[in-house]
Structures are given as structure tokens and as C-alpha cells.
């Protein structure tokens, strides 16, 4: 049987769950429209279509939440009142306007503060927040050691890419990622670099990470307030020491449904040992609802999920370091050292519609913010120093 996405239990979610009421089921109206809380949203058209789906709008309305679109060009005070604001627009004027609104309307919960989000816009700064995770996970006895892949930043100036890689002591193969992480198709256009002589085909700015063999399986960890959900996804195949691909291998997605489609059509590549590196040979079956990996290896338990305790401890640490309450991160498990885990990517306000029952999850999260604001929590979340608490 295929393993379903794992909603990890947490005692800290109980107050939020109580806010929904255990006796409430979809179709029942607990709160009248006149008592509804208002969640303002400033999102791109694409995000609106993928996130504000009918099942979320209906379920949220049944539990006293109504969504109202925000025009980033119009002063915010003229569009309220709001109880919560959610947002994902990369517009400097809008972000300055939102920061000003946060200061003048401290009773409104802004999820999340722009100052905490911007560090995730660049892969050069994204994983700095993970500095010291290895020491933290070891010293506190986590059921696994967490680190980030060794990496180097090439900004296209001040030296050659070959010298940057050599100075950082990176070991091939490498994954080359665009510096900008804005969610666009170009930001997902990566490449596997098998040999030093292939570096000349790359242009900066970009980040180069050592490729870690991980059994072709990636774990996406979704953090929505205090809720943590683990979803298994198919990923890139392993690379053997004697079979490093020759030339650049273009990678447009590294996990999920899109990855499965991409890898199916990825051309076979000649390797140094004369064999071929063919991602489709290790390709997982198509994902059902883009939510779970159904490849035979996963179905038969060859790639077990990370321990629940580890995922919860790591999620809590990431939440604290990032100062965010709505994000996900990609976690891989080293194939030959299964107690070693690597955080390879972090995303703010990810595609939650891929998470099972996301409408219940997000509604519970919004209610927890509204109820928490009436008890006087920190406005907009807290910010910690990068790499602190190690």
C-alpha cells in the first residue's frame, strides 16, 4: 500500500483545533456571516487560482472566515478592516506600504513580516539561516544529523566559476541553481554539472551545491503555524562515482509531478564509464493528486520517512530561525548514511493546495491567528538572527 502524506501530530495544535470545534463538519455553519473574520490577501493571479480554491473558500466561510482581495495600488486603510493579511507579492512599494500598515495597525496579524521573507528571495542567503544546524542536532540528541549541502556562490564577477568552485573545495557532481528564488519557471531552471570542464557552460549569478545521493526520494515539510505535514515526492536519481554524467543536464524541477513528467522525457546522457545516466530509469510513477510518491521503492518501504520527532524538532527550529509561520522546506536523506539529512531549499507560502485537506489546515491556522491576536501575541511573528540558537 502507498504511504499517505503524513500529518504529524503535535500537542501545540490543540487550541487551534478547539477553535474549529470537534463537532463541526463540512456543510455545517457555526458562525454567521455577520460575525465573520476578514482575511485580506495580496497574491498574484496565478497564486489566487491555485490557492483560493472553492473547497477552501467554502470551508473557511462555514467557520467564520471570509477572504477579501487587496489592491496593492490602493492605500491599505481604505480597504479594511482586516483581522489577518496574507501576502506573496514581490513589489517593493507594496512591501513598504505593508510595513507601514503593520506599525499603524498593530492589531492586524500580518502573515508574514516582509523583513523575514526577503531573505528567501535569494539562494545566496536562503540557507544561511541553517548555519549551525549540524551542531544543534548533534548536541541536542535529535534522531538524525541535519545539515545543508556544501555550496558556493558565483555572482558572475570577480573571478571565474572554476576558481570559485576550487576555492570552496566542492566535489562533483554539482547542482547549479539560479541565484534568484522567485517562484518563476526560470528560478527552477537548474542543471546537474558532472565535471569541472562543464562549468564553462554556466553563467552567473548562481549557487552551486554538491549533489547528495538520496535514493531518488525527497521529503517536503510544510509548516503552517504549529501544524507540520510531511509529503514524500520522487526526486532525481543517484549518481555513481564511475558514472558521472558528461555535459550539463538541465533540470527544470527536482521533485513532484512536474519532475516526474520532466524526467520521463529527459534525454539519456553518456557517462564517463560508457554507460548512460537516464533519469527516467529511476523515475517514479505519476503522482496521485501530486501528493504522494507511489514508486515501488517507496511503497515497499525502502525509503522510510524521517522520524517524526526529528521533523518536528527541525520544523520548530526553522520556524524560530526564519521568523515565519507559513513555509516549507525540502529535506533529503543521504542514501549511504541514513542518519544524515540535508535541507536543500526553503519556500515561503508554498503551494498548500497540494497538501491533503489543506482547507481544514489553513482555516485552523487563520483562526489560531485571530484568536491569538486577541490574547496579545507578537505582531506579525518574531524575527531571530540568522543562524542563531545553534
Protein backbone atom coordinates (compact mmCIF):
# COMPACT_ATOMS: atom_id res chain seq x y z
CA UNK A 1 0.00 0.00 0.00
CA UNK A 2 1.21 3.50 -0.75
CA UNK A 3 2.18 5.63 2.21
CA UNK A 4 -0.09 8.69 2.50
CA UNK A 5 1.29 12.14 3.28
CA UNK A 6 1.97 12.27 7.00
CA UNK A 7 0.25 14.90 9.13
CA UNK A 8 2.50 14.92 12.15
CA UNK A 9 0.65 15.17 15.47
CA UNK A 10 1.53 17.98 17.83
CA UNK A 11 0.08 18.84 21.20
CA UNK A 12 0.57 22.52 20.43
CA UNK A 13 -2.16 22.37 17.77
CA UNK A 14 -4.90 21.57 20.25
CA UNK A 15 -6.02 25.17 21.00
CA UNK A 16 -6.35 25.89 17.28
CA UNK A 17 -8.25 22.66 16.72
CA UNK A 18 -10.58 23.55 19.54
CA UNK A 19 -11.31 26.82 17.79
CA UNK A 20 -12.83 24.86 14.91
CA UNK A 21 -14.79 22.62 17.21
CA UNK A 22 -14.56 18.86 17.02
CA UNK A 23 -18.31 18.65 16.39
CA UNK A 24 -18.16 20.70 13.20
CA UNK A 25 -18.23 19.00 9.82
CA UNK A 26 -18.12 20.47 6.31
CA UNK A 27 -21.56 21.81 5.41
CA UNK A 28 -22.37 22.99 8.93
CA UNK A 29 -22.40 26.74 9.60
CA UNK A 30 -21.09 27.54 13.06
CA UNK A 31 -20.63 31.28 12.64
CA UNK A 32 -22.93 33.74 10.89
CA UNK A 33 -21.70 35.88 8.04
CA UNK A 34 -22.03 38.99 10.23
CA UNK A 35 -19.53 37.54 12.73
CA UNK A 36 -17.00 36.53 10.10
CA UNK A 37 -13.34 37.40 10.43
CA UNK A 38 -11.77 39.04 7.39
CA UNK A 39 -8.55 37.76 5.85
CA UNK A 40 -7.13 40.15 3.30
CA UNK A 41 -4.97 38.64 0.57
CA UNK A 42 -2.43 40.22 -1.75
CA UNK A 43 -1.44 37.49 -4.20
CA UNK A 44 -0.62 37.08 -7.87
CA UNK A 45 -3.35 35.87 -10.22
CA UNK A 46 -1.58 32.54 -10.51
CA UNK A 47 -1.44 32.12 -6.73
CA UNK A 48 -5.09 33.08 -6.36
CA UNK A 49 -6.12 30.43 -8.87
CA UNK A 50 -4.05 27.68 -7.25
CA UNK A 51 -4.68 28.56 -3.60
CA UNK A 52 -8.12 30.12 -3.19
CA UNK A 53 -9.96 27.09 -4.47
CA UNK A 54 -13.69 26.54 -3.87
CA UNK A 55 -13.12 23.97 -1.14
CA UNK A 56 -11.07 26.46 0.90
CA UNK A 57 -13.48 29.36 0.39
CA UNK A 58 -16.46 27.21 1.36
CA UNK A 59 -14.88 25.57 4.39
CA UNK A 60 -13.45 28.85 5.67
CA UNK A 61 -16.80 30.63 5.27
CA UNK A 62 -18.54 27.86 7.20
CA UNK A 63 -16.18 28.57 10.09
CA UNK A 64 -16.43 32.33 10.12
CA UNK A 65 -13.60 33.31 7.75
CA UNK A 66 -14.12 35.47 4.70
CA UNK A 67 -11.38 36.40 2.23
CA UNK A 68 -11.08 39.86 0.72
CA UNK A 69 -8.76 40.78 -2.11
CA UNK A 70 -6.29 43.62 -1.55
CA UNK A 71 -5.32 46.03 -4.31
CA UNK A 72 -1.62 46.80 -3.71
CA UNK A 73 -2.01 50.16 -5.51
CA UNK A 74 -4.67 51.43 -3.09
CA UNK A 75 -3.91 52.57 0.49
CA UNK A 76 -4.48 49.65 2.86
CA UNK A 77 -6.51 51.59 5.47
CA UNK A 78 -9.11 52.30 2.78
CA UNK A 79 -9.59 48.60 2.09
CA UNK A 80 -10.03 47.23 5.62
CA UNK A 81 -10.78 46.44 8.27
CA UNK A 82 -8.81 43.20 8.34
CA UNK A 83 -8.17 40.65 11.04
CA UNK A 84 -5.33 38.94 9.13
CA UNK A 85 -3.38 39.78 5.97
CA UNK A 86 -1.69 37.08 3.90
CA UNK A 87 0.53 38.07 1.01
CA UNK A 88 3.04 36.98 -1.61
CA UNK A 89 3.81 39.88 -3.91
CA UNK A 90 7.34 40.89 -4.84
CA UNK A 91 6.77 44.62 -5.21
CA UNK A 92 8.98 46.97 -3.19
CA UNK A 93 6.36 49.72 -2.96
CA UNK A 94 3.79 47.21 -1.73
CA UNK A 95 6.14 45.79 0.89
CA UNK A 96 6.96 49.26 2.21
CA UNK A 97 3.26 50.01 2.35
CA UNK A 98 2.64 46.77 4.24
CA UNK A 99 5.42 47.53 6.74
CA UNK A 100 3.91 50.96 7.41
CA UNK A 101 0.48 49.40 7.86
CA UNK A 102 1.86 46.89 10.37
CA UNK A 103 3.18 49.74 12.53
CA UNK A 104 0.00 51.81 12.33
CA UNK A 105 -2.37 48.83 12.79
CA UNK A 106 -0.69 46.54 15.33
CA UNK A 107 -3.98 44.73 15.99
CA UNK A 108 -3.89 43.21 12.48
CA UNK A 109 -1.88 40.00 12.09
CA UNK A 110 0.36 40.13 9.01
CA UNK A 111 1.48 36.70 7.87
CA UNK A 112 4.37 37.02 7.49
CA UNK A 113 6.60 40.09 8.04
CA UNK A 114 8.27 41.25 4.79
CA UNK A 115 11.63 41.64 6.53
CA UNK A 116 11.66 37.90 7.25
CA UNK A 117 10.52 36.87 3.77
CA UNK A 118 13.06 38.72 1.64
CA UNK A 119 15.98 36.50 2.72
CA UNK A 120 14.28 33.63 0.88
CA UNK A 121 14.28 35.54 -2.39
CA UNK A 122 17.97 34.77 -2.90
CA UNK A 123 19.56 31.34 -2.73
CA UNK A 124 22.74 33.08 -1.62
CA UNK A 125 21.09 33.95 1.71
CA UNK A 126 18.36 31.31 1.92
CA UNK A 127 20.32 28.53 3.61
CA UNK A 128 22.42 30.79 5.84
CA UNK A 129 19.61 30.50 8.34
CA UNK A 130 20.54 26.82 8.66
CA UNK A 131 24.05 27.61 9.87
CA UNK A 132 24.81 25.55 12.95
CA UNK A 133 22.02 23.00 12.44
CA UNK A 134 24.53 20.17 12.42
CA UNK A 135 25.87 21.14 15.84
CA UNK A 136 22.37 21.79 17.15
CA UNK A 137 21.02 18.40 16.04
CA UNK A 138 24.06 16.59 17.46
CA UNK A 139 24.23 18.41 20.80
CA UNK A 140 20.52 18.07 21.50
CA UNK A 141 20.33 14.41 20.53
CA UNK A 142 17.97 14.68 17.59
CA UNK A 143 17.27 11.30 15.93
CA UNK A 144 19.37 12.35 12.94
CA UNK A 145 22.01 14.92 11.94
CA UNK A 146 20.75 17.84 9.85
CA UNK A 147 22.99 19.98 7.67
CA UNK A 148 23.00 21.77 4.32
CA UNK A 149 24.94 20.72 1.23
CA UNK A 150 28.34 22.32 0.77
CA UNK A 151 27.86 25.22 -1.61
CA UNK A 152 29.46 28.24 -3.26
CA UNK A 153 28.07 31.45 -4.73
CA UNK A 154 29.15 32.66 -8.18
CA UNK A 155 27.86 36.17 -8.88
CA UNK A 156 29.42 36.40 -12.33
CA UNK A 157 32.03 38.95 -11.29
CA UNK A 158 35.38 38.91 -9.51
CA UNK A 159 36.82 35.62 -10.71
CA UNK A 160 35.98 32.59 -12.80
CA UNK A 161 33.42 29.99 -11.86
CA UNK A 162 36.20 27.39 -11.88
CA UNK A 163 38.15 29.35 -9.28
CA UNK A 164 35.06 29.77 -7.09
CA UNK A 165 34.40 26.03 -7.13
CA UNK A 166 38.05 25.20 -6.45
CA UNK A 167 38.34 27.69 -3.59
CA UNK A 168 35.20 26.26 -1.95
CA UNK A 169 36.54 22.71 -2.35
CA UNK A 170 33.33 21.45 -3.92
CA UNK A 171 33.21 17.83 -5.08
CA UNK A 172 31.44 16.92 -8.32
CA UNK A 173 28.72 16.37 -9.37
CA UNK A 174 27.16 19.74 -8.54
CA UNK A 175 23.70 21.21 -8.87
CA UNK A 176 23.70 24.72 -10.32
CA UNK A 177 20.74 26.84 -9.19
CA UNK A 178 19.75 30.37 -10.24
CA UNK A 179 20.53 32.95 -7.56
CA UNK A 180 17.02 34.36 -7.62
CA UNK A 181 14.31 32.23 -6.00
CA UNK A 182 11.11 33.99 -7.01
CA UNK A 183 8.93 31.01 -7.89
CA UNK A 184 9.13 31.64 -11.64
CA UNK A 185 9.96 28.96 -14.17
CA UNK A 186 13.43 30.44 -14.67
CA UNK A 187 14.15 30.20 -10.94
CA UNK A 188 13.52 26.45 -11.19
CA UNK A 189 15.81 26.03 -14.22
CA UNK A 190 18.71 24.12 -12.68
CA UNK A 191 21.46 21.93 -14.05
CA UNK A 192 23.48 18.92 -12.94
CA UNK A 193 27.19 19.54 -13.55
CA UNK A 194 29.17 16.32 -13.78
CA UNK A 195 32.72 17.58 -14.42
CA UNK A 196 34.91 20.65 -13.96
CA UNK A 197 35.18 21.16 -17.72
CA UNK A 198 31.39 21.59 -17.91
CA UNK A 199 31.44 24.69 -15.70
CA UNK A 200 32.27 26.97 -18.61
CA UNK A 201 28.75 26.46 -19.98
CA UNK A 202 27.22 28.18 -16.95
CA UNK A 203 26.56 31.88 -16.47
CA UNK A 204 26.11 33.63 -13.15
CA UNK A 205 24.72 34.68 -10.88
CA UNK A 206 24.05 31.25 -9.43
CA UNK A 207 24.60 28.95 -6.47
CA UNK A 208 26.48 25.66 -6.81
CA UNK A 209 25.67 22.84 -4.37
CA UNK A 210 27.25 19.44 -4.03
CA UNK A 211 24.84 16.77 -5.21
CA UNK A 212 23.92 14.29 -2.47
CA UNK A 213 22.71 10.83 -3.43
CA UNK A 214 19.34 10.39 -1.72
CA UNK A 215 17.69 7.38 -3.30
CA UNK A 216 15.58 9.43 -5.69
CA UNK A 217 13.22 10.49 -2.87
CA UNK A 218 12.66 13.96 -1.42
CA UNK A 219 10.56 14.96 1.60
CA UNK A 220 8.64 18.23 1.59
CA UNK A 221 7.90 19.54 5.06
CA UNK A 222 5.01 22.01 5.21
CA UNK A 223 4.85 24.29 8.24
CA UNK A 224 1.52 26.06 8.73
CA UNK A 225 1.57 27.70 12.13
CA UNK A 226 2.05 24.87 14.62
CA UNK A 227 0.97 22.19 12.13
CA UNK A 228 3.65 20.16 10.36
CA UNK A 229 2.92 17.92 7.36
CA UNK A 230 5.41 15.63 5.64
CA UNK A 231 4.91 14.74 1.96
CA UNK A 232 7.12 12.28 0.08
CA UNK A 233 8.00 13.14 -3.53
CA UNK A 234 10.03 11.48 -6.29
CA UNK A 235 13.32 13.23 -6.99
CA UNK A 236 16.44 12.95 -9.14
CA UNK A 237 18.24 9.61 -9.45
CA UNK A 238 21.51 8.84 -7.72
CA UNK A 239 24.84 9.30 -9.49
CA UNK A 240 27.58 6.66 -9.13
CA UNK A 241 31.24 7.60 -8.77
CA UNK A 242 32.09 5.88 -12.03
CA UNK A 243 29.01 7.13 -13.85
CA UNK A 244 29.08 10.89 -13.60
CA UNK A 245 27.10 12.44 -16.48
CA UNK A 246 29.09 14.21 -19.18
CA UNK A 247 27.89 17.72 -20.01
CA UNK A 248 25.17 19.77 -18.36
CA UNK A 249 21.91 18.01 -17.56
CA UNK A 250 19.08 20.54 -17.50
CA UNK A 251 16.72 20.18 -14.53
CA UNK A 252 13.52 22.22 -14.54
CA UNK A 253 12.02 20.61 -11.43
CA UNK A 254 13.67 18.41 -8.81
CA UNK A 255 10.55 16.88 -7.27
CA UNK A 256 6.86 16.24 -7.62
CA UNK A 257 4.50 15.76 -10.53
CA UNK A 258 6.37 18.17 -12.78
CA UNK A 259 9.62 16.37 -12.04
CA UNK A 260 8.08 13.05 -12.99
CA UNK A 261 6.93 14.45 -16.33
CA UNK A 262 10.29 16.14 -16.92
CA UNK A 263 12.35 13.08 -16.09
CA UNK A 264 10.23 10.92 -18.37
CA UNK A 265 11.35 12.97 -21.37
CA UNK A 266 14.88 13.81 -20.19
CA UNK A 267 17.48 12.69 -22.76
CA UNK A 268 19.87 9.91 -21.89
CA UNK A 269 23.38 11.15 -21.21
CA UNK A 270 26.71 9.49 -21.88
CA UNK A 271 28.71 8.90 -18.70
CA UNK A 272 32.42 8.66 -18.08
CA UNK A 273 32.24 4.88 -17.72
CA UNK A 274 30.47 4.50 -21.06
CA UNK A 275 27.05 3.83 -19.56
CA UNK A 276 24.17 6.29 -19.55
CA UNK A 277 22.67 8.50 -16.86
CA UNK A 278 18.96 8.35 -17.59
CA UNK A 279 16.68 9.97 -15.03
CA UNK A 280 13.64 8.21 -16.47
CA UNK A 281 15.14 4.84 -15.49
CA UNK A 282 14.71 5.79 -11.83
CA UNK A 283 11.55 7.76 -12.42
CA UNK A 284 8.66 7.24 -10.06
CA UNK A 285 5.15 6.64 -11.22
CA UNK A 286 2.95 9.68 -11.75
CA UNK A 287 1.76 11.19 -8.52
CA UNK A 288 -1.82 10.78 -7.47
CA UNK A 289 -3.13 14.31 -6.90
CA UNK A 290 0.52 15.40 -6.78
CA UNK A 291 0.56 14.45 -3.11
CA UNK A 292 2.38 11.18 -2.57
CA UNK A 293 5.17 9.13 -4.07
CA UNK A 294 3.93 5.76 -5.36
CA UNK A 295 7.16 4.37 -6.76
CA UNK A 296 7.77 0.69 -5.90
CA UNK A 297 10.76 1.52 -3.68
CA UNK A 298 8.65 3.84 -1.54
CA UNK A 299 5.61 1.57 -1.50
CA UNK A 300 7.75 -1.31 -0.22
CA UNK A 301 9.38 0.81 2.46
CA UNK A 302 12.88 1.10 1.00
CA UNK A 303 12.91 4.84 1.76
CA UNK A 304 11.20 5.29 5.13
CA UNK A 305 10.14 8.71 6.30
CA UNK A 306 12.36 10.62 8.73
CA UNK A 307 11.45 10.11 12.39
CA UNK A 308 8.50 12.23 13.45
CA UNK A 309 10.48 13.69 16.34
CA UNK A 310 13.23 14.83 14.00
CA UNK A 311 10.80 16.52 11.62
CA UNK A 312 9.03 18.32 14.48
CA UNK A 313 12.28 19.47 16.09
CA UNK A 314 13.63 20.68 12.78
CA UNK A 315 10.37 22.43 11.84
CA UNK A 316 10.26 24.23 15.19
CA UNK A 317 13.89 25.30 14.81
CA UNK A 318 13.31 26.54 11.26
CA UNK A 319 10.19 28.42 12.36
CA UNK A 320 12.21 30.15 15.06
CA UNK A 321 15.20 30.98 12.88
CA UNK A 322 13.17 32.21 9.92
CA UNK A 323 10.61 34.17 11.93
CA UNK A 324 7.94 32.72 9.63
CA UNK A 325 4.77 30.74 10.21
CA UNK A 326 3.88 29.74 6.65
CA UNK A 327 6.60 27.97 4.67
CA UNK A 328 8.00 24.63 3.57
CA UNK A 329 11.45 23.17 3.16
CA UNK A 330 12.87 20.29 1.14
CA UNK A 331 14.62 17.56 3.10
CA UNK A 332 16.64 14.67 1.69
CA UNK A 333 18.16 11.64 3.39
CA UNK A 334 21.67 10.61 2.37
CA UNK A 335 21.50 7.20 0.75
CA UNK A 336 24.59 5.61 2.28
CA UNK A 337 24.30 7.36 5.65
CA UNK A 338 20.58 7.25 6.51
CA UNK A 339 21.03 9.23 9.73
CA UNK A 340 22.24 12.23 7.71
CA UNK A 341 19.67 14.72 6.40
CA UNK A 342 20.09 17.80 4.23
CA UNK A 343 17.89 20.88 3.90
CA UNK A 344 18.23 21.89 0.25
CA UNK A 345 15.54 24.52 -0.30
CA UNK A 346 13.09 26.77 1.59
CA UNK A 347 9.92 28.40 0.24
CA UNK A 348 7.58 30.99 1.72
CA UNK A 349 3.81 30.46 1.31
CA UNK A 350 4.19 27.28 -0.76
CA UNK A 351 1.53 25.51 -2.82
CA UNK A 352 -0.60 24.33 0.07
CA UNK A 353 -3.33 23.01 -2.20
CA UNK A 354 -1.02 20.02 -2.73
CA UNK A 355 -1.41 19.10 0.94
CA UNK A 356 -4.35 16.80 1.78
CA UNK A 357 -7.28 18.58 3.47
CA UNK A 358 -5.46 21.88 3.13
CA UNK A 359 -8.72 23.79 3.50
CA UNK A 360 -9.10 22.49 7.08
CA UNK A 361 -5.43 23.07 7.82
CA UNK A 362 -5.40 26.66 6.60
CA UNK A 363 -8.73 27.57 8.20
CA UNK A 364 -7.46 26.27 11.53
CA UNK A 365 -4.31 28.34 11.04
CA UNK A 366 -6.26 31.55 10.30
CA UNK A 367 -8.47 31.03 13.36
CA UNK A 368 -5.41 30.47 15.54
CA UNK A 369 -4.01 33.81 14.35
CA UNK A 370 -7.27 35.63 15.00
CA UNK A 371 -7.77 34.09 18.44
CA UNK A 372 -4.12 34.59 19.30
CA UNK A 373 -4.27 38.29 18.38
CA UNK A 374 -6.95 38.82 20.98
CA UNK A 375 -4.56 37.46 23.59
CA UNK A 376 -1.89 39.94 22.58
CA UNK A 377 0.83 37.92 20.77
CA UNK A 378 3.75 39.38 18.87
CA UNK A 379 2.56 41.27 15.78
CA UNK A 380 3.45 39.65 12.51
CA UNK A 381 5.66 36.99 14.01
CA UNK A 382 9.10 37.22 15.56
CA UNK A 383 12.45 37.57 13.88
CA UNK A 384 15.57 35.83 15.09
CA UNK A 385 19.13 36.37 13.97
CA UNK A 386 20.32 34.21 11.10
CA UNK A 387 21.92 31.07 12.33
CA UNK A 388 21.09 31.78 15.97
CA UNK A 389 20.21 29.28 18.69
CA UNK A 390 22.77 26.80 17.43
